[in-house]
C-alpha cells in the first residue's frame, strides 16, 4: 500500500466506503465530481469532492488531460491502496456489518 499523507482517507466512514466501492467497481473509469455524486445520491457532493481531491493530492488519482471539467481516474497505486483500505475495513467490521 502506498503511504498516505491524508490519513483521513484510511478512516472508515459510510460515505468514503460508498465512494471507494464505486471507484473500485470501475477502476479504469474517468470521473468528475458530478458523475460520482450522481451515482451516489446518499453521499453529499462535498464528501465526494473532498475525497477525490484528497486522493488526487496523495497521488492515488491522476488528472485526465484535455477534459473540460476536472476529471480524474485512479492510478495503479490508487487502485491497490483503495482496495487494501477497503479490505482492512471489511476485516475490522463487527459480525453482521461486514460488506455493508
Protein backbone atom coordinates (compact mmCIF):
# COMPACT_ATOMS: atom_id res chain seq x y z
CA UNK A 1 0.00 0.00 0.00
CA UNK A 2 1.25 3.45 -0.88
CA UNK A 3 1.97 5.76 2.06
CA UNK A 4 -0.84 8.27 2.52
CA UNK A 5 -0.35 11.75 3.95
CA UNK A 6 -4.10 12.44 4.25
CA UNK A 7 -4.72 9.80 6.92
CA UNK A 8 -8.43 10.62 6.92
CA UNK A 9 -8.57 8.55 3.72
CA UNK A 10 -7.93 5.44 5.83
CA UNK A 11 -10.63 6.20 8.41
CA UNK A 12 -13.78 4.17 7.83
CA UNK A 13 -16.96 6.10 7.11
CA UNK A 14 -20.09 5.21 5.18
CA UNK A 15 -19.61 7.98 2.58
CA UNK A 16 -15.96 7.02 1.98
CA UNK A 17 -16.92 3.35 1.79
CA UNK A 18 -19.53 4.08 -0.89
CA UNK A 19 -17.08 6.27 -2.83
CA UNK A 20 -14.32 3.67 -2.70
CA UNK A 21 -16.72 0.90 -3.71
CA UNK A 22 -17.84 2.90 -6.75
CA UNK A 23 -14.24 3.68 -7.73
CA UNK A 24 -13.21 0.03 -7.37
CA UNK A 25 -16.25 -1.22 -9.30
CA UNK A 26 -14.95 0.63 -12.37
CA UNK A 27 -11.24 1.17 -11.64
CA UNK A 28 -10.28 2.39 -15.13
CA UNK A 29 -13.17 4.86 -15.41
CA UNK A 30 -12.64 8.60 -15.65
CA UNK A 31 -14.71 10.51 -13.08
CA UNK A 32 -15.90 14.03 -12.48
CA UNK A 33 -17.25 15.04 -9.09
CA UNK A 34 -20.75 15.38 -10.54
CA UNK A 35 -20.66 11.94 -12.20
CA UNK A 36 -19.65 10.21 -8.99
CA UNK A 37 -22.06 12.26 -6.89
CA UNK A 38 -24.97 11.41 -9.20
CA UNK A 39 -24.14 7.71 -8.86
CA UNK A 40 -24.13 8.05 -5.06
CA UNK A 41 -27.16 10.20 -4.13
CA UNK A 42 -26.83 9.17 -0.46
CA UNK A 43 -23.36 10.78 -0.32
CA UNK A 44 -23.05 14.57 -0.26
CA UNK A 45 -21.39 16.30 -3.18
CA UNK A 46 -18.98 17.87 -0.68
CA UNK A 47 -17.90 14.43 0.59
CA UNK A 48 -17.31 13.26 -2.99
CA UNK A 49 -15.38 16.42 -3.87
CA UNK A 50 -13.25 16.33 -0.74
CA UNK A 51 -12.45 12.63 -1.08
CA UNK A 52 -11.48 12.91 -4.75
CA UNK A 53 -9.26 15.92 -4.05
CA UNK A 54 -7.55 14.14 -1.14
CA UNK A 55 -6.98 11.06 -3.31
CA UNK A 56 -5.60 13.31 -6.03
CA UNK A 57 -3.32 15.10 -3.56
CA UNK A 58 -1.89 11.80 -2.39
CA UNK A 59 -1.20 10.66 -5.94
CA UNK A 60 -3.83 7.92 -5.81
CA UNK A 61 -5.71 9.59 -8.65
CA UNK A 62 -4.47 11.44 -11.68
CA UNK A 63 -5.99 14.24 -13.72
CA UNK A 64 -7.29 13.18 -17.12
CA UNK A 65 -5.83 15.58 -19.67
CA UNK A 66 -7.91 17.57 -22.13
CA UNK A 67 -11.14 17.26 -20.18
CA UNK A 68 -13.28 20.35 -19.78
CA UNK A 69 -14.30 19.72 -16.16
CA UNK A 70 -11.83 18.37 -13.61
CA UNK A 71 -11.74 14.68 -14.48
CA UNK A 72 -9.74 12.13 -12.53
CA UNK A 73 -9.04 8.41 -12.53
CA UNK A 74 -7.40 6.01 -10.10
CA UNK A 75 -3.72 5.32 -10.66
CA UNK A 76 -2.41 1.76 -10.38
CA UNK A 77 -1.15 2.60 -6.87
CA UNK A 78 -4.52 4.18 -6.14
CA UNK A 79 -6.41 1.03 -7.08
CA UNK A 80 -4.21 -1.14 -4.92
CA UNK A 81 -4.26 1.29 -1.98
CA UNK A 82 -8.02 1.88 -2.01
CA UNK A 83 -8.64 -1.88 -2.34
CA UNK A 84 -6.37 -2.55 0.63
CA UNK A 85 -8.07 0.12 2.74
CA UNK A 86 -11.49 -1.38 1.92
CA UNK A 87 -10.31 -4.88 2.79
CA UNK A 88 -8.99 -3.64 6.13
CA UNK A 89 -12.34 -2.02 6.90
CA UNK A 90 -14.17 -5.22 5.98
CA UNK A 91 -11.88 -7.24 8.25
CA UNK A 92 -12.46 -4.84 11.14
CA UNK A 93 -16.25 -4.67 10.79
CA UNK A 94 -18.22 -6.39 13.53
CA UNK A 95 -20.09 -9.56 12.51
CA UNK A 96 -23.32 -8.67 10.76
CA UNK A 97 -21.85 -5.41 9.46
CA UNK A 98 -19.33 -6.90 7.00
CA UNK A 99 -19.77 -5.74 3.45
CA UNK A 100 -22.33 -3.11 4.46
